[in-house]
Structures are given as C-alpha cells and as structure tokens.
Amino acid sequence: MTNRLTDKDKKDWQDFLNSSEKLQSKDIDQSYKRKILEKSIDLHGYKLEEANKEISKFIENCYLNGVKKINVITGKGMRSKNLDDPYQSSDLSILKHSIPEFIKNNSELMKKIIKIDLESVNSPAKGSFEILLKSTK
C-alpha cells in the first residue's frame, strides 16, 4: 500500500472542506433520541387524591412521549389503615383498587389507553398492574 494521495483524493478532500455538509459525530451518544417504550410509577405512600392526580399526569405525559406500557406500582394494600375504619370501603380505599377505578371512570384518560391489566389488580399476590397505551397520531 502506498502513502501517496491521488489527485482524485485531493479533489474529494477539497470538495468536502468547501461544502457545508455536517457529519454526525460518532463520539456523541445518540441513545437519548430513542423512545422509551416502558415506564413505571410508584404510588406507595400517596393519599388517594394525590395518587389520582399523579397517575393522571403520568398517563398524559407517557402518551405524549410515545410510551407504550406503564407499570403502576400501588402496593398490595396489606398495611392499609382502611380496614380499621368501618366507614371506608375495604376495596376502593386501597390504591390497588381505586387507581384503576379512577382511570376507568376518566373518559379523557381512557381515550389514550388500550388496556388496563385488571387480572393483576384483582390478584392478592400482586401489588402492581400494567396499562397499555395507544400511539399518538
């Protein structure tokens, strides 16, 4: 192999220097441009009203950013103090049951949702459930 530059090489180099074309730097991490397809939110410790606001904002944000699946961590409700209060529902005071109910009753949120995994909500062994989101148009 020779170390000599041909006239064609010199011309190509000069053409490149004179052009305004930009080359993509291979040293810059491009991973931030990839869409995140799945996100989680942990609602442990939230009061019901706060949790409803948070999940509403979270679903809206995920939908707008092209997230496809949301994992909602609510806990199992095993340490919920609602069992001591006869005036509270033993199901709907627990975030595990009330959050999906809130989402199902919110028509604006449901327009963005394909499916809520209600099997996980009804399982006493699980403290989370998934939501599958539609794509933005």
C-alpha atoms as a PDB file:
ATOM      1  CA  MET A   1       0.000   0.000   0.000  1.00  0.00           C
ATOM      2  CA  THR A   2       1.297   3.427  -0.860  1.00  0.00           C
ATOM      3  CA  ASN A   3       1.045   6.537   1.238  1.00  0.00           C
ATOM      4  CA  ARG A   4       0.569   8.801  -1.732  1.00  0.00           C
ATOM      5  CA  LEU A   5      -2.603  10.778  -2.238  1.00  0.00           C
ATOM      6  CA  THR A   6      -4.028  10.701  -5.710  1.00  0.00           C
ATOM      7  CA  ASP A   7      -5.349  13.778  -7.444  1.00  0.00           C
ATOM      8  CA  LYS A   8      -8.850  12.363  -7.003  1.00  0.00           C
ATOM      9  CA  ASP A   9      -8.294  12.021  -3.215  1.00  0.00           C
ATOM     10  CA  LYS A  10      -7.082  15.615  -3.026  1.00  0.00           C
ATOM     11  CA  LYS A  11     -10.074  16.838  -5.036  1.00  0.00           C
ATOM     12  CA  ASP A  12     -12.538  14.864  -2.864  1.00  0.00           C
ATOM     13  CA  TRP A  13     -10.942  16.291   0.285  1.00  0.00           C
ATOM     14  CA  GLN A  14     -11.097  19.837  -1.050  1.00  0.00           C
ATOM     15  CA  ASP A  15     -14.730  19.372  -2.090  1.00  0.00           C
ATOM     16  CA  PHE A  16     -15.553  18.177   1.422  1.00  0.00           C
ATOM     17  CA  LEU A  17     -13.783  21.149   3.034  1.00  0.00           C
ATOM     18  CA  ASN A  18     -15.644  23.574   0.783  1.00  0.00           C
ATOM     19  CA  SER A  19     -19.068  22.029   1.401  1.00  0.00           C
ATOM     20  CA  SER A  20     -21.366  22.960   4.270  1.00  0.00           C
ATOM     21  CA  GLU A  21     -22.308  19.329   4.871  1.00  0.00           C
ATOM     22  CA  LYS A  22     -22.163  18.262   8.500  1.00  0.00           C
ATOM     23  CA  LEU A  23     -21.055  14.817   9.598  1.00  0.00           C
ATOM     24  CA  GLN A  24     -22.622  13.126  12.590  1.00  0.00           C
ATOM     25  CA  SER A  25     -20.126  12.764  15.397  1.00  0.00           C
ATOM     26  CA  LYS A  26     -19.706   9.134  16.387  1.00  0.00           C
ATOM     27  CA  ASP A  27     -18.467  10.265  19.799  1.00  0.00           C
ATOM     28  CA  ILE A  28     -21.802  11.797  20.805  1.00  0.00           C
ATOM     29  CA  ASP A  29     -24.241   9.414  22.481  1.00  0.00           C
ATOM     30  CA  GLN A  30     -27.388   9.254  20.347  1.00  0.00           C
ATOM     31  CA  SER A  31     -29.261   6.993  22.774  1.00  0.00           C
ATOM     32  CA  TYR A  32     -31.265   9.914  24.181  1.00  0.00           C
ATOM     33  CA  LYS A  33     -33.149  10.064  20.883  1.00  0.00           C
ATOM     34  CA  ARG A  34     -34.528   6.548  21.299  1.00  0.00           C
ATOM     35  CA  LYS A  35     -38.090   6.342  22.541  1.00  0.00           C
ATOM     36  CA  ILE A  36     -38.684   4.811  25.925  1.00  0.00           C
ATOM     37  CA  LEU A  37     -41.297   2.131  25.430  1.00  0.00           C
ATOM     38  CA  GLU A  38     -41.995   1.338  29.084  1.00  0.00           C
ATOM     39  CA  LYS A  39     -42.123   3.454  32.259  1.00  0.00           C
ATOM     40  CA  SER A  40     -43.058   2.846  35.892  1.00  0.00           C
ATOM     41  CA  ILE A  41     -44.661   4.942  38.586  1.00  0.00           C
ATOM     42  CA  ASP A  42     -44.616   4.037  42.274  1.00  0.00           C
ATOM     43  CA  LEU A  43     -47.606   5.347  44.229  1.00  0.00           C
ATOM     44  CA  HIS A  44     -46.634   3.916  47.631  1.00  0.00           C
ATOM     45  CA  GLY A  45     -47.399   6.415  50.379  1.00  0.00           C
ATOM     46  CA  TYR A  46     -49.689   8.644  48.311  1.00  0.00           C
ATOM     47  CA  LYS A  47     -53.110   9.632  49.577  1.00  0.00           C
ATOM     48  CA  LEU A  48     -55.949   8.795  47.216  1.00  0.00           C
ATOM     49  CA  GLU A  49     -56.451  12.304  45.798  1.00  0.00           C
ATOM     50  CA  GLU A  50     -52.689  12.837  45.303  1.00  0.00           C
ATOM     51  CA  ALA A  51     -52.345   9.426  43.641  1.00  0.00           C
ATOM     52  CA  ASN A  52     -55.200  10.196  41.236  1.00  0.00           C
ATOM     53  CA  LYS A  53     -53.560  13.483  40.208  1.00  0.00           C
ATOM     54  CA  GLU A  54     -50.146  11.849  39.779  1.00  0.00           C
ATOM     55  CA  ILE A  55     -51.406   8.927  37.691  1.00  0.00           C
ATOM     56  CA  SER A  56     -53.431  11.276  35.506  1.00  0.00           C
ATOM     57  CA  LYS A  57     -50.387  13.485  34.790  1.00  0.00           C
ATOM     58  CA  PHE A  58     -48.183  10.436  34.308  1.00  0.00           C
ATOM     59  CA  ILE A  59     -50.500   8.791  31.753  1.00  0.00           C
ATOM     60  CA  GLU A  60     -50.828  12.062  29.807  1.00  0.00           C
ATOM     61  CA  ASN A  61     -47.052  12.557  29.768  1.00  0.00           C
ATOM     62  CA  CYS A  62     -46.340   8.966  28.733  1.00  0.00           C
ATOM     63  CA  TYR A  63     -48.944   9.125  25.965  1.00  0.00           C
ATOM     64  CA  LEU A  64     -47.477  12.346  24.554  1.00  0.00           C
ATOM     65  CA  ASN A  65     -43.958  10.882  24.646  1.00  0.00           C
ATOM     66  CA  GLY A  66     -44.845   7.647  22.859  1.00  0.00           C
ATOM     67  CA  VAL A  67     -44.515   5.305  25.840  1.00  0.00           C
ATOM     68  CA  LYS A  68     -46.335   2.046  25.111  1.00  0.00           C
ATOM     69  CA  LYS A  69     -46.563   0.392  28.539  1.00  0.00           C
ATOM     70  CA  ILE A  70     -46.874   1.782  32.060  1.00  0.00           C
ATOM     71  CA  ASN A  71     -46.224  -0.284  35.176  1.00  0.00           C
ATOM     72  CA  VAL A  72     -48.234   1.189  38.064  1.00  0.00           C
ATOM     73  CA  ILE A  73     -46.939   0.144  41.482  1.00  0.00           C
ATOM     74  CA  THR A  74     -49.595   0.606  44.138  1.00  0.00           C
ATOM     75  CA  GLY A  75     -48.685  -1.995  46.735  1.00  0.00           C
ATOM     76  CA  LYS A  76     -50.943  -4.816  47.847  1.00  0.00           C
ATOM     77  CA  GLY A  77     -52.806  -2.793  50.474  1.00  0.00           C
ATOM     78  CA  MET A  78     -51.726  -5.155  53.231  1.00  0.00           C
ATOM     79  CA  ARG A  79     -50.786  -2.296  55.573  1.00  0.00           C
ATOM     80  CA  SER A  80     -53.669  -0.018  54.638  1.00  0.00           C
ATOM     81  CA  LYS A  81     -55.366   1.535  57.662  1.00  0.00           C
ATOM     82  CA  ASN A  82     -58.773   1.474  55.939  1.00  0.00           C
ATOM     83  CA  LEU A  83     -59.582  -1.935  57.439  1.00  0.00           C
ATOM     84  CA  ASP A  84     -59.855  -0.248  60.859  1.00  0.00           C
ATOM     85  CA  ASP A  85     -62.464   2.259  59.639  1.00  0.00           C
ATOM     86  CA  PRO A  86     -65.967   0.818  59.124  1.00  0.00           C
ATOM     87  CA  TYR A  87     -66.965   3.855  57.052  1.00  0.00           C
ATOM     88  CA  GLN A  88     -64.397   3.157  54.340  1.00  0.00           C
ATOM     89  CA  SER A  89     -64.648   0.577  51.606  1.00  0.00           C
ATOM     90  CA  SER A  90     -62.281  -2.330  52.152  1.00  0.00           C
ATOM     91  CA  ASP A  91     -61.542  -2.342  48.395  1.00  0.00           C
ATOM     92  CA  LEU A  92     -61.769   1.159  46.975  1.00  0.00           C
ATOM     93  CA  SER A  93     -59.798   2.886  49.716  1.00  0.00           C
ATOM     94  CA  ILE A  94     -56.772   0.825  48.758  1.00  0.00           C
ATOM     95  CA  LEU A  95     -54.827   2.383  45.876  1.00  0.00           C
ATOM     96  CA  LYS A  96     -54.561  -1.002  44.218  1.00  0.00           C
ATOM     97  CA  HIS A  97     -58.309  -0.938  43.517  1.00  0.00           C
ATOM     98  CA  SER A  98     -59.124   2.765  43.491  1.00  0.00           C
ATOM     99  CA  ILE A  99     -56.495   3.858  40.916  1.00  0.00           C
ATOM    100  CA  PRO A 100     -57.775   1.542  38.148  1.00  0.00           C
ATOM    101  CA  GLU A 101     -61.340   2.582  39.004  1.00  0.00           C
ATOM    102  CA  PHE A 102     -60.361   6.258  38.758  1.00  0.00           C
ATOM    103  CA  ILE A 103     -58.723   5.661  35.365  1.00  0.00           C
ATOM    104  CA  LYS A 104     -61.703   3.662  34.014  1.00  0.00           C
ATOM    105  CA  ASN A 105     -64.080   6.476  35.027  1.00  0.00           C
ATOM    106  CA  ASN A 106     -61.956   9.177  33.361  1.00  0.00           C
ATOM    107  CA  SER A 107     -63.036   9.297  29.715  1.00  0.00           C
ATOM    108  CA  GLU A 108     -60.094  11.521  28.665  1.00  0.00           C
ATOM    109  CA  LEU A 109     -57.572   9.035  30.032  1.00  0.00           C
ATOM    110  CA  MET A 110     -59.423   6.051  28.567  1.00  0.00           C
ATOM    111  CA  LYS A 111     -59.141   7.591  25.079  1.00  0.00           C
ATOM    112  CA  LYS A 112     -55.367   7.070  25.374  1.00  0.00           C
ATOM    113  CA  ILE A 113     -55.495   3.534  26.789  1.00  0.00           C
ATOM    114  CA  ILE A 114     -55.744   0.209  25.018  1.00  0.00           C
ATOM    115  CA  LYS A 115     -55.975  -1.986  28.102  1.00  0.00           C
ATOM    116  CA  ILE A 116     -55.687  -1.999  31.891  1.00  0.00           C
ATOM    117  CA  ASP A 117     -54.462  -5.319  33.315  1.00  0.00           C
ATOM    118  CA  LEU A 118     -57.338  -5.945  35.727  1.00  0.00           C
ATOM    119  CA  GLU A 119     -56.230  -9.525  36.416  1.00  0.00           C
ATOM    120  CA  SER A 120     -53.205  -8.142  38.271  1.00  0.00           C
ATOM    121  CA  VAL A 121     -55.406  -5.675  40.150  1.00  0.00           C
ATOM    122  CA  ASN A 122     -57.663  -8.495  41.352  1.00  0.00           C
ATOM    123  CA  SER A 123     -54.762 -10.779  42.304  1.00  0.00           C
ATOM    124  CA  PRO A 124     -53.949 -10.628  46.031  1.00  0.00           C
ATOM    125  CA  ALA A 125     -50.365 -11.638  45.214  1.00  0.00           C
ATOM    126  CA  LYS A 126     -49.606  -8.599  43.055  1.00  0.00           C
ATOM    127  CA  GLY A 127     -49.006  -5.002  44.074  1.00  0.00           C
ATOM    128  CA  SER A 128     -48.810  -3.554  40.575  1.00  0.00           C
ATOM    129  CA  PHE A 129     -50.640  -3.558  37.261  1.00  0.00           C
ATOM    130  CA  GLU A 130     -49.889  -2.547  33.684  1.00  0.00           C
ATOM    131  CA  ILE A 131     -51.527  -0.100  31.325  1.00  0.00           C
ATOM    132  CA  LEU A 132     -51.064  -0.377  27.552  1.00  0.00           C
ATOM    133  CA  LEU A 133     -51.236   2.971  25.756  1.00  0.00           C
ATOM    134  CA  LYS A 134     -52.357   3.854  22.252  1.00  0.00           C
ATOM    135  CA  SER A 135     -49.970   5.571  19.856  1.00  0.00           C
ATOM    136  CA  THR A 136     -50.184   9.302  19.289  1.00  0.00           C
ATOM    137  CA  LYS A 137     -51.295  10.214  15.804  1.00  0.00           C
END
